[in-house]
């Protein structure tokens, strides 16, 4: 009788450790907030670096992986053309976008969907948008506007749309990069075109439910839903305005003018209480105050020169009243949100001996417990602390090679996924699974 009792005691402990693991089913994680909520994560890297559990071949792209239900989903672009084109140069390239499903434990390919795509965008390495996995389906958006819904287990296409053809529009300079958002039965997606800047699709059938707004270009900012003034609001950062609309039907609640340089509004809005912050190239930063009793907003300050933050490639992280993020200059800033005052700056994420940040320096920021994880453009994982007083580095390790080019330097600009006490990291050649569990 003692052996069964012991086994029962052991198995009683198992669910607790299992439930501590978590998926990363979409861009910025389960709650779309760049917070990694798992426990049991290592405090420092082993002397030889973190263990790579598996490697899987992939092709080009900036799209991060999604991890859900024991599978990893990632999209890429296969072409024989030389796609090392950057900044404002549009050229045509011929190839195929792919959606890959891998076994989370081994990296083995489970299914693949491939379709031909002609690129005519800048930075044409491949797709930008992380897959979104929910309720047995996976949704992907390609760089030229090919929107798909697949059965997550089999890869069978449930529905699809060719956005540029159906809505008579054109991909923005840097392609479709605004990660679609699932809200109830809706899949909310930036589309472009007359009256269809934002379109809501039925996530199960692909049927259009409603469309709204017209902008001179799509921009790149993912749709975001907040609740303010007693009302759920879909916040859309467009090249010419910030707008709050009814997420149920697209009815416009309020609009504040915004002038994005080169159409490049990229970040999702950051909110603290009644304050809403957005920013982009050339000091195009804006702090709004949300009304407490109705869906409305007014300007607190805008376009603060040499203040605040002008994010480009990396979503900034708001912790309390302090905003941490990488400016277009490449500097990591700590910023007081309410005033826009910069509290400190650092180029240390790009190396201990770096005295000046690289232009558009990129390191993705994810919070875990009382510390932060960064994945920088050099292919390094960093464990750091961020506070109002500055940047403190705890450890770093090289895990993957840069495989693309930007501003004349080699970079990797792909956001990782953190799930099951592991990191899933890709460049333009491979996707790796890195063990980050505490021994």
Protein backbone atom coordinates (compact mmCIF):
# COMPACT_ATOMS: atom_id res chain seq x y z
CA UNK A 1 0.00 0.00 0.00
CA UNK A 2 2.92 2.34 0.59
CA UNK A 3 4.05 2.35 -3.03
CA UNK A 4 0.68 3.49 -4.46
CA UNK A 5 0.48 6.14 -1.76
CA UNK A 6 3.92 7.42 -2.73
CA UNK A 7 2.97 7.48 -6.40
CA UNK A 8 -0.17 9.39 -5.59
CA UNK A 9 1.89 11.93 -3.69
CA UNK A 10 4.27 12.35 -6.64
CA UNK A 11 1.48 12.72 -9.21
CA UNK A 12 -0.29 15.20 -6.96
CA UNK A 13 2.72 17.47 -7.40
CA UNK A 14 2.88 17.17 -11.20
CA UNK A 15 -0.06 19.44 -12.16
CA UNK A 16 1.46 22.31 -10.22
CA UNK A 17 4.74 22.18 -12.16
CA UNK A 18 2.92 21.63 -15.46
CA UNK A 19 0.60 24.60 -15.05
CA UNK A 20 3.57 26.87 -14.50
CA UNK A 21 4.46 26.40 -18.16
CA UNK A 22 2.83 28.75 -20.63
CA UNK A 23 2.40 29.18 -24.37
CA UNK A 24 3.33 32.20 -26.51
CA UNK A 25 0.49 32.02 -29.07
CA UNK A 26 0.80 35.45 -30.65
CA UNK A 27 2.90 38.59 -30.98
CA UNK A 28 4.03 39.83 -27.53
CA UNK A 29 2.74 36.72 -25.77
CA UNK A 30 -0.53 35.38 -24.32
CA UNK A 31 -1.84 38.77 -23.16
CA UNK A 32 -0.10 40.79 -25.87
CA UNK A 33 1.89 42.71 -23.28
CA UNK A 34 5.47 41.33 -23.57
CA UNK A 35 5.32 39.75 -20.10
CA UNK A 36 6.71 36.24 -19.63
CA UNK A 37 4.86 34.83 -16.61
CA UNK A 38 6.59 31.47 -16.17
CA UNK A 39 8.57 30.60 -13.05
CA UNK A 40 11.58 28.31 -12.75
CA UNK A 41 13.72 30.32 -15.18
CA UNK A 42 17.50 30.39 -14.83
CA UNK A 43 19.13 33.38 -13.14
CA UNK A 44 22.42 33.25 -15.03
CA UNK A 45 23.55 31.45 -18.16
CA UNK A 46 25.81 28.38 -17.89
CA UNK A 47 29.46 29.13 -18.56
CA UNK A 48 29.18 27.47 -21.97
CA UNK A 49 25.97 29.35 -22.79
CA UNK A 50 22.37 28.13 -22.77
CA UNK A 51 21.71 24.71 -24.26
CA UNK A 52 20.17 24.62 -27.76
CA UNK A 53 17.65 21.78 -27.70
CA UNK A 54 17.03 21.68 -31.46
CA UNK A 55 17.54 23.56 -34.71
CA UNK A 56 15.14 23.63 -37.66
CA UNK A 57 15.84 25.11 -41.11
CA UNK A 58 13.80 28.16 -42.14
CA UNK A 59 14.12 30.77 -44.87
CA UNK A 60 13.97 34.58 -44.74
CA UNK A 61 11.69 36.75 -42.65
CA UNK A 62 11.21 39.03 -39.68
CA UNK A 63 8.13 37.22 -38.30
CA UNK A 64 8.59 35.84 -34.83
CA UNK A 65 7.44 32.32 -33.94
CA UNK A 66 4.24 31.48 -32.06
CA UNK A 67 4.14 28.55 -29.63
CA UNK A 68 0.86 26.84 -28.73
CA UNK A 69 -0.44 23.36 -27.98
CA UNK A 70 2.91 21.64 -28.35
CA UNK A 71 3.61 23.21 -31.74
CA UNK A 72 5.65 26.08 -33.13
CA UNK A 73 4.36 28.17 -36.04
CA UNK A 74 6.50 30.48 -38.14
CA UNK A 75 6.32 32.04 -41.60
CA UNK A 76 9.14 32.71 -44.06
CA UNK A 77 9.98 33.59 -47.70
CA UNK A 78 11.86 31.39 -50.15
CA UNK A 79 13.49 33.07 -53.15
CA UNK A 80 16.55 32.74 -55.33
CA UNK A 81 16.83 36.54 -55.57
CA UNK A 82 19.27 38.61 -53.52
CA UNK A 83 16.90 40.36 -51.09
CA UNK A 84 19.43 42.42 -49.15
CA UNK A 85 17.58 45.66 -49.87
CA UNK A 86 16.89 48.17 -47.12
CA UNK A 87 15.55 51.59 -46.18
CA UNK A 88 13.45 53.24 -48.92
CA UNK A 89 14.32 51.10 -51.92
CA UNK A 90 11.42 49.16 -53.47
CA UNK A 91 12.24 46.39 -55.93
CA UNK A 92 10.42 43.36 -57.30
CA UNK A 93 11.30 39.85 -56.15
CA UNK A 94 9.77 36.50 -57.02
CA UNK A 95 9.41 33.70 -54.52
CA UNK A 96 7.06 31.88 -52.17
CA UNK A 97 5.85 32.60 -48.66
CA UNK A 98 5.51 29.59 -46.40
CA UNK A 99 3.77 28.83 -43.12
CA UNK A 100 5.59 26.11 -41.17
CA UNK A 101 4.30 24.05 -38.24
CA UNK A 102 6.97 22.31 -36.15
CA UNK A 103 6.82 19.90 -33.24
CA UNK A 104 7.61 21.91 -30.14
CA UNK A 105 9.60 19.12 -28.50
CA UNK A 106 11.83 18.18 -31.44
CA UNK A 107 11.60 20.86 -34.16
CA UNK A 108 10.36 18.25 -36.64
CA UNK A 109 8.28 19.66 -39.50
CA UNK A 110 4.63 18.62 -39.09
CA UNK A 111 3.05 20.54 -41.97
CA UNK A 112 3.80 23.31 -44.45
CA UNK A 113 1.71 25.58 -46.63
CA UNK A 114 3.41 27.41 -49.50
CA UNK A 115 2.09 29.96 -51.99
CA UNK A 116 3.77 32.15 -54.66
CA UNK A 117 4.23 35.85 -53.87
CA UNK A 118 5.84 38.66 -55.82
CA UNK A 119 7.40 41.18 -53.43
CA UNK A 120 7.60 44.90 -54.20
CA UNK A 121 8.56 46.20 -50.75
CA UNK A 122 11.61 47.48 -48.93
CA UNK A 123 13.43 45.09 -46.56
CA UNK A 124 12.05 42.16 -48.62
CA UNK A 125 13.53 39.30 -46.57
CA UNK A 126 10.11 37.86 -45.73
CA UNK A 127 6.92 38.13 -43.64
CA UNK A 128 6.75 40.42 -40.63
CA UNK A 129 3.73 39.23 -38.64
CA UNK A 130 3.86 36.57 -35.93
CA UNK A 131 1.19 33.87 -36.40
CA UNK A 132 -1.81 34.05 -34.06
CA UNK A 133 -3.07 30.75 -32.65
CA UNK A 134 -6.48 30.37 -31.01
CA UNK A 135 -9.20 27.73 -30.68
CA UNK A 136 -7.58 25.21 -32.98
CA UNK A 137 -6.84 27.67 -35.77
CA UNK A 138 -3.75 29.64 -36.77
CA UNK A 139 -3.90 32.99 -38.58
CA UNK A 140 -1.06 34.43 -40.65
CA UNK A 141 -0.53 37.67 -42.61
CA UNK A 142 2.13 37.84 -45.31
CA UNK A 143 4.21 40.86 -46.28
CA UNK A 144 2.11 41.54 -49.40
CA UNK A 145 -1.24 41.10 -47.67
CA UNK A 146 -2.04 37.40 -47.98
CA UNK A 147 -4.25 36.63 -44.98
CA UNK A 148 -4.83 32.96 -44.07
CA UNK A 149 -6.70 30.90 -41.52
CA UNK A 150 -5.50 27.29 -41.13
CA UNK A 151 -6.51 24.32 -39.04
CA UNK A 152 -3.71 24.38 -36.49
CA UNK A 153 -3.35 20.59 -36.41
CA UNK A 154 -3.47 19.75 -40.11
CA UNK A 155 -2.54 22.93 -41.97
CA UNK A 156 -5.73 22.74 -44.04
CA UNK A 157 -6.78 26.19 -45.28
CA UNK A 158 -10.06 27.28 -43.67
CA UNK A 159 -10.26 30.61 -45.50
CA UNK A 160 -8.01 33.24 -47.05
CA UNK A 161 -7.97 36.76 -48.49
CA UNK A 162 -5.65 38.56 -50.88
CA UNK A 163 -6.00 41.99 -49.29
CA UNK A 164 -4.34 44.15 -51.94
CA UNK A 165 -6.40 42.60 -54.73
CA UNK A 166 -9.73 42.47 -52.94
CA UNK A 167 -9.52 45.95 -51.45
CA UNK A 168 -7.72 47.62 -54.36
CA UNK A 169 -4.79 48.82 -52.33
CA UNK A 170 -1.02 48.38 -52.17
CA UNK A 171 1.29 47.16 -49.42
CA UNK A 172 2.99 49.93 -47.48
CA UNK A 173 6.68 50.60 -48.14
CA UNK A 174 7.83 48.05 -45.54
CA UNK A 175 5.01 45.60 -46.20
CA UNK A 176 2.10 44.44 -44.08
CA UNK A 177 3.53 44.41 -40.56
CA UNK A 178 0.59 45.16 -38.21
CA UNK A 179 -0.14 41.92 -36.39
CA UNK A 180 -3.89 41.12 -36.64
CA UNK A 181 -5.84 41.06 -33.37
CA UNK A 182 -8.50 38.54 -32.33
CA UNK A 183 -11.42 40.06 -30.44
CA UNK A 184 -14.23 37.64 -29.73
CA UNK A 185 -15.47 36.30 -33.07
CA UNK A 186 -13.56 39.00 -34.97
CA UNK A 187 -10.13 39.07 -36.56
CA UNK A 188 -9.17 42.75 -36.80
CA UNK A 189 -6.68 43.53 -39.56
CA UNK A 190 -5.19 46.66 -41.12
CA UNK A 191 -5.99 46.45 -44.83
CA UNK A 192 -5.80 49.85 -46.55
CA UNK A 193 -7.81 51.22 -49.43
CA UNK A 194 -10.84 53.50 -49.54
CA UNK A 195 -12.94 53.10 -46.40
CA UNK A 196 -11.11 49.93 -45.37
CA UNK A 197 -8.10 51.00 -43.35
CA UNK A 198 -9.34 48.53 -40.73
CA UNK A 199 -11.47 45.48 -41.55
CA UNK A 200 -13.11 43.03 -39.16
CA UNK A 201 -13.38 39.46 -40.44
CA UNK A 202 -15.30 36.59 -38.88
CA UNK A 203 -12.40 34.55 -37.54
CA UNK A 204 -14.12 31.24 -38.32
CA UNK A 205 -15.48 31.93 -41.82
CA UNK A 206 -13.40 34.85 -43.12
CA UNK A 207 -16.57 36.82 -43.91
CA UNK A 208 -16.18 40.60 -43.68
CA UNK A 209 -18.17 41.95 -40.73
CA UNK A 210 -17.40 45.66 -41.09
CA UNK A 211 -14.81 48.10 -42.43
CA UNK A 212 -13.86 51.64 -41.44
CA UNK A 213 -11.64 54.67 -42.13
CA UNK A 214 -9.42 55.83 -44.96
CA UNK A 215 -5.73 56.71 -44.56
CA UNK A 216 -3.03 57.68 -47.03
CA UNK A 217 -1.22 54.44 -46.12
CA UNK A 218 -1.74 51.50 -43.77
CA UNK A 219 1.08 52.23 -41.36
CA UNK A 220 2.43 49.34 -39.29
CA UNK A 221 0.81 49.72 -35.85
CA UNK A 222 -1.16 46.67 -34.69
CA UNK A 223 -4.77 47.30 -33.62
CA UNK A 224 -5.16 47.58 -29.85
CA UNK A 225 -8.25 47.44 -27.64
CA UNK A 226 -8.52 49.31 -24.34
CA UNK A 227 -11.33 50.27 -21.99
CA UNK A 228 -11.53 53.97 -21.11
CA UNK A 229 -14.35 56.38 -20.37
CA UNK A 230 -16.53 53.39 -19.55
CA UNK A 231 -16.25 52.17 -23.13
CA UNK A 232 -14.28 49.51 -25.01
CA UNK A 233 -12.24 51.30 -27.68
CA UNK A 234 -10.23 50.03 -30.63
CA UNK A 235 -7.20 52.33 -30.91
CA UNK A 236 -5.77 52.75 -34.40
CA UNK A 237 -2.47 54.55 -34.95
CA UNK A 238 -2.52 55.72 -38.55
CA UNK A 239 0.02 57.76 -40.55
CA UNK A 240 -2.27 60.80 -40.32
CA UNK A 241 -4.23 60.31 -37.09
CA UNK A 242 -4.78 58.45 -33.84
CA UNK A 243 -8.38 57.26 -33.70
CA UNK A 244 -10.61 55.52 -31.21
CA UNK A 245 -13.44 53.46 -32.72
CA UNK A 246 -16.12 51.06 -31.57
CA UNK A 247 -14.58 47.56 -31.96
CA UNK A 248 -18.04 46.11 -32.62
CA UNK A 249 -18.80 48.10 -35.78
CA UNK A 250 -16.03 50.62 -36.56
CA UNK A 251 -18.01 53.68 -35.44
CA UNK A 252 -15.55 56.54 -34.87
CA UNK A 253 -15.46 57.88 -31.32
CA UNK A 254 -12.63 60.41 -31.59
CA UNK A 255 -9.68 61.39 -33.76
CA UNK A 256 -6.49 63.33 -33.01
CA UNK A 257 -4.27 64.41 -35.95
CA UNK A 258 -0.85 62.77 -36.22
CA UNK A 259 1.82 63.21 -38.88
CA UNK A 260 4.01 60.12 -39.20
CA UNK A 261 7.28 60.63 -41.05
CA UNK A 262 7.39 58.32 -44.09
CA UNK A 263 4.10 56.80 -42.94
CA UNK A 264 6.03 54.97 -40.23
CA UNK A 265 3.80 54.64 -37.21
CA UNK A 266 4.90 51.25 -35.90
CA UNK A 267 4.44 50.79 -32.16
CA UNK A 268 1.23 49.82 -30.39
CA UNK A 269 -0.12 52.51 -28.04
CA UNK A 270 1.11 52.41 -24.45
CA UNK A 271 -1.36 53.23 -21.70
CA UNK A 272 -1.06 54.21 -18.05
CA UNK A 273 -4.32 55.20 -16.35
CA UNK A 274 -5.82 58.01 -18.41
CA UNK A 275 -2.62 58.58 -20.42
CA UNK A 276 -2.02 57.10 -23.87
CA UNK A 277 1.38 57.38 -25.55
CA UNK A 278 2.43 56.88 -29.17
CA UNK A 279 5.64 57.76 -30.96
CA UNK A 280 7.60 57.32 -34.17
CA UNK A 281 10.34 58.67 -36.42
CA UNK A 282 11.63 62.25 -36.16
CA UNK A 283 10.33 63.07 -32.68
CA UNK A 284 6.75 62.40 -33.74
CA UNK A 285 5.72 61.59 -30.20
CA UNK A 286 2.31 62.25 -28.68
CA UNK A 287 0.76 61.93 -25.22
CA UNK A 288 -3.02 61.91 -24.99
CA UNK A 289 -5.31 62.21 -22.00
CA UNK A 290 -8.32 59.92 -22.22
CA UNK A 291 -11.64 61.28 -20.97
CA UNK A 292 -12.95 59.62 -17.81
CA UNK A 293 -16.67 59.81 -18.63
CA UNK A 294 -16.87 59.17 -22.38
CA UNK A 295 -14.77 57.88 -25.28
CA UNK A 296 -12.66 60.94 -26.12
CA UNK A 297 -9.07 62.17 -25.96
CA UNK A 298 -7.10 65.42 -25.89
CA UNK A 299 -3.44 66.27 -26.42
CA UNK A 300 -1.17 66.67 -23.37
CA UNK A 301 2.01 67.21 -25.39
CA UNK A 302 3.37 66.37 -28.82
CA UNK A 303 6.61 66.36 -30.85
CA UNK A 304 8.98 66.93 -27.95
CA UNK A 305 12.37 67.52 -29.54
CA UNK A 306 15.19 65.60 -27.86
CA UNK A 307 12.76 64.27 -25.29
CA UNK A 308 10.46 61.28 -24.92
CA UNK A 309 10.96 58.37 -27.28
CA UNK A 310 10.74 57.77 -31.02
CA UNK A 311 10.40 53.96 -31.24
CA UNK A 312 10.96 52.18 -34.54
CA UNK A 313 11.59 48.42 -34.53
CA UNK A 314 10.90 47.62 -30.89
CA UNK A 315 7.73 47.94 -28.83
CA UNK A 316 8.56 50.03 -25.73
CA UNK A 317 7.69 48.68 -22.29
CA UNK A 318 5.86 50.73 -19.68
CA UNK A 319 6.57 49.75 -16.06
CA UNK A 320 4.72 51.98 -13.61
CA UNK A 321 5.35 55.57 -14.65
CA UNK A 322 8.57 54.78 -16.53
CA UNK A 323 8.78 53.95 -20.23
CA UNK A 324 11.74 51.87 -21.44
CA UNK A 325 12.46 51.63 -25.13
CA UNK A 326 14.88 51.93 -28.03
CA UNK A 327 14.76 55.23 -29.86
CA UNK A 328 15.29 55.58 -33.63
CA UNK A 329 18.79 56.73 -32.70
CA UNK A 330 19.45 53.30 -31.21
CA UNK A 331 19.80 54.53 -27.63
CA UNK A 332 17.89 52.74 -24.90
CA UNK A 333 16.06 55.41 -22.89
CA UNK A 334 14.29 55.45 -19.58
CA UNK A 335 11.53 58.09 -19.89
CA UNK A 336 9.10 59.57 -17.39
CA UNK A 337 5.79 59.11 -19.16
CA UNK A 338 3.81 62.09 -17.89
CA UNK A 339 6.44 64.70 -18.74
CA UNK A 340 8.34 62.98 -21.55
CA UNK A 341 11.61 63.69 -19.74
CA UNK A 342 14.47 61.30 -20.42
CA UNK A 343 15.84 59.93 -17.15
CA UNK A 344 18.84 58.09 -18.60
CA UNK A 345 20.26 56.58 -21.77
CA UNK A 346 22.41 53.56 -22.54
CA UNK A 347 24.02 51.82 -25.51
CA UNK A 348 25.14 48.88 -23.36
CA UNK A 349 22.65 46.35 -24.80
CA UNK A 350 24.80 46.32 -27.97
CA UNK A 351 28.00 45.50 -26.10
CA UNK A 352 29.87 46.52 -22.95
CA UNK A 353 32.38 48.58 -24.93
CA UNK A 354 29.89 50.35 -27.23
CA UNK A 355 30.06 54.09 -26.64
CA UNK A 356 27.45 55.11 -29.20
CA UNK A 357 24.30 53.23 -30.13
CA UNK A 358 23.93 52.00 -33.73
CA UNK A 359 21.29 53.76 -35.84
CA UNK A 360 17.92 52.09 -35.29
CA UNK A 361 19.60 49.72 -32.84
CA UNK A 362 17.22 46.87 -32.07
CA UNK A 363 16.76 44.72 -28.98
CA UNK A 364 13.38 43.23 -28.09
CA UNK A 365 12.22 43.71 -24.49
CA UNK A 366 10.24 41.16 -22.43
CA UNK A 367 9.62 41.34 -18.69
CA UNK A 368 9.89 38.23 -16.52
CA UNK A 369 9.46 38.60 -12.77
CA UNK A 370 11.57 41.48 -11.49
CA UNK A 371 13.93 41.49 -14.47
CA UNK A 372 13.90 41.82 -18.25
CA UNK A 373 15.03 39.65 -21.12
CA UNK A 374 16.37 41.25 -24.28
CA UNK A 375 17.23 39.74 -27.63
CA UNK A 376 19.52 42.12 -29.51
CA UNK A 377 20.34 42.46 -33.19
CA UNK A 378 23.72 40.76 -32.63
CA UNK A 379 21.93 37.50 -31.85
CA UNK A 380 22.48 37.73 -28.09
CA UNK A 381 20.12 37.01 -25.20
CA UNK A 382 20.49 39.41 -22.28
CA UNK A 383 19.19 39.27 -18.71
CA UNK A 384 18.92 42.81 -17.32
CA UNK A 385 17.27 45.02 -14.74
CA UNK A 386 15.66 48.31 -15.72
CA UNK A 387 14.64 51.03 -13.27
CA UNK A 388 14.24 54.80 -13.07
CA UNK A 389 17.91 54.96 -12.15
CA UNK A 390 19.31 53.08 -15.12
CA UNK A 391 20.28 49.86 -16.89
CA UNK A 392 21.94 46.95 -15.09
CA UNK A 393 23.15 43.94 -17.04
CA UNK A 394 23.11 40.59 -15.25
CA UNK A 395 24.27 38.28 -18.04
CA UNK A 396 24.37 37.77 -21.82
CA UNK A 397 24.97 34.92 -24.25
CA UNK A 398 25.31 34.64 -28.02
CA UNK A 399 22.71 32.20 -29.37
CA UNK A 400 22.29 32.84 -33.12
CA UNK A 401 24.04 34.65 -35.97
CA UNK A 402 22.81 37.87 -37.62
CA UNK A 403 21.71 37.04 -41.15
CA UNK A 404 20.36 40.27 -42.65
CA UNK A 405 21.67 43.78 -43.20
CA UNK A 406 20.56 47.24 -42.06
CA UNK A 407 22.42 50.52 -42.32
CA UNK A 408 25.51 48.64 -43.52
CA UNK A 409 25.72 46.25 -40.56
CA UNK A 410 24.69 42.62 -40.02
CA UNK A 411 21.55 42.25 -37.89
CA UNK A 412 18.84 39.85 -36.81
CA UNK A 413 15.51 41.66 -36.34
CA UNK A 414 13.12 38.83 -35.37
CA UNK A 415 11.25 38.88 -32.04
CA UNK A 416 11.64 35.65 -30.03
CA UNK A 417 8.91 33.66 -28.28
CA UNK A 418 9.23 32.61 -24.62
CA UNK A 419 7.29 29.49 -23.66
CA UNK A 420 7.70 26.28 -21.66
CA UNK A 421 10.82 27.74 -20.03
CA UNK A 422 12.43 28.02 -23.43
CA UNK A 423 13.16 30.71 -25.99
CA UNK A 424 12.33 30.18 -29.67
CA UNK A 425 14.58 32.34 -31.84
CA UNK A 426 15.00 32.57 -35.60
CA UNK A 427 17.09 34.29 -38.22
CA UNK A 428 16.91 33.85 -42.00
CA UNK A 429 18.40 30.35 -41.90
CA UNK A 430 17.25 28.53 -38.80
CA UNK A 431 14.84 28.48 -35.89
CA UNK A 432 16.36 27.33 -32.61
CA UNK A 433 14.90 26.23 -29.28
CA UNK A 434 16.95 27.40 -26.29
CA UNK A 435 16.59 25.83 -22.84
CA UNK A 436 16.17 28.52 -20.16
CA UNK A 437 14.86 26.33 -17.31
CA UNK A 438 16.50 26.65 -13.92
CA UNK A 439 18.56 23.47 -13.35
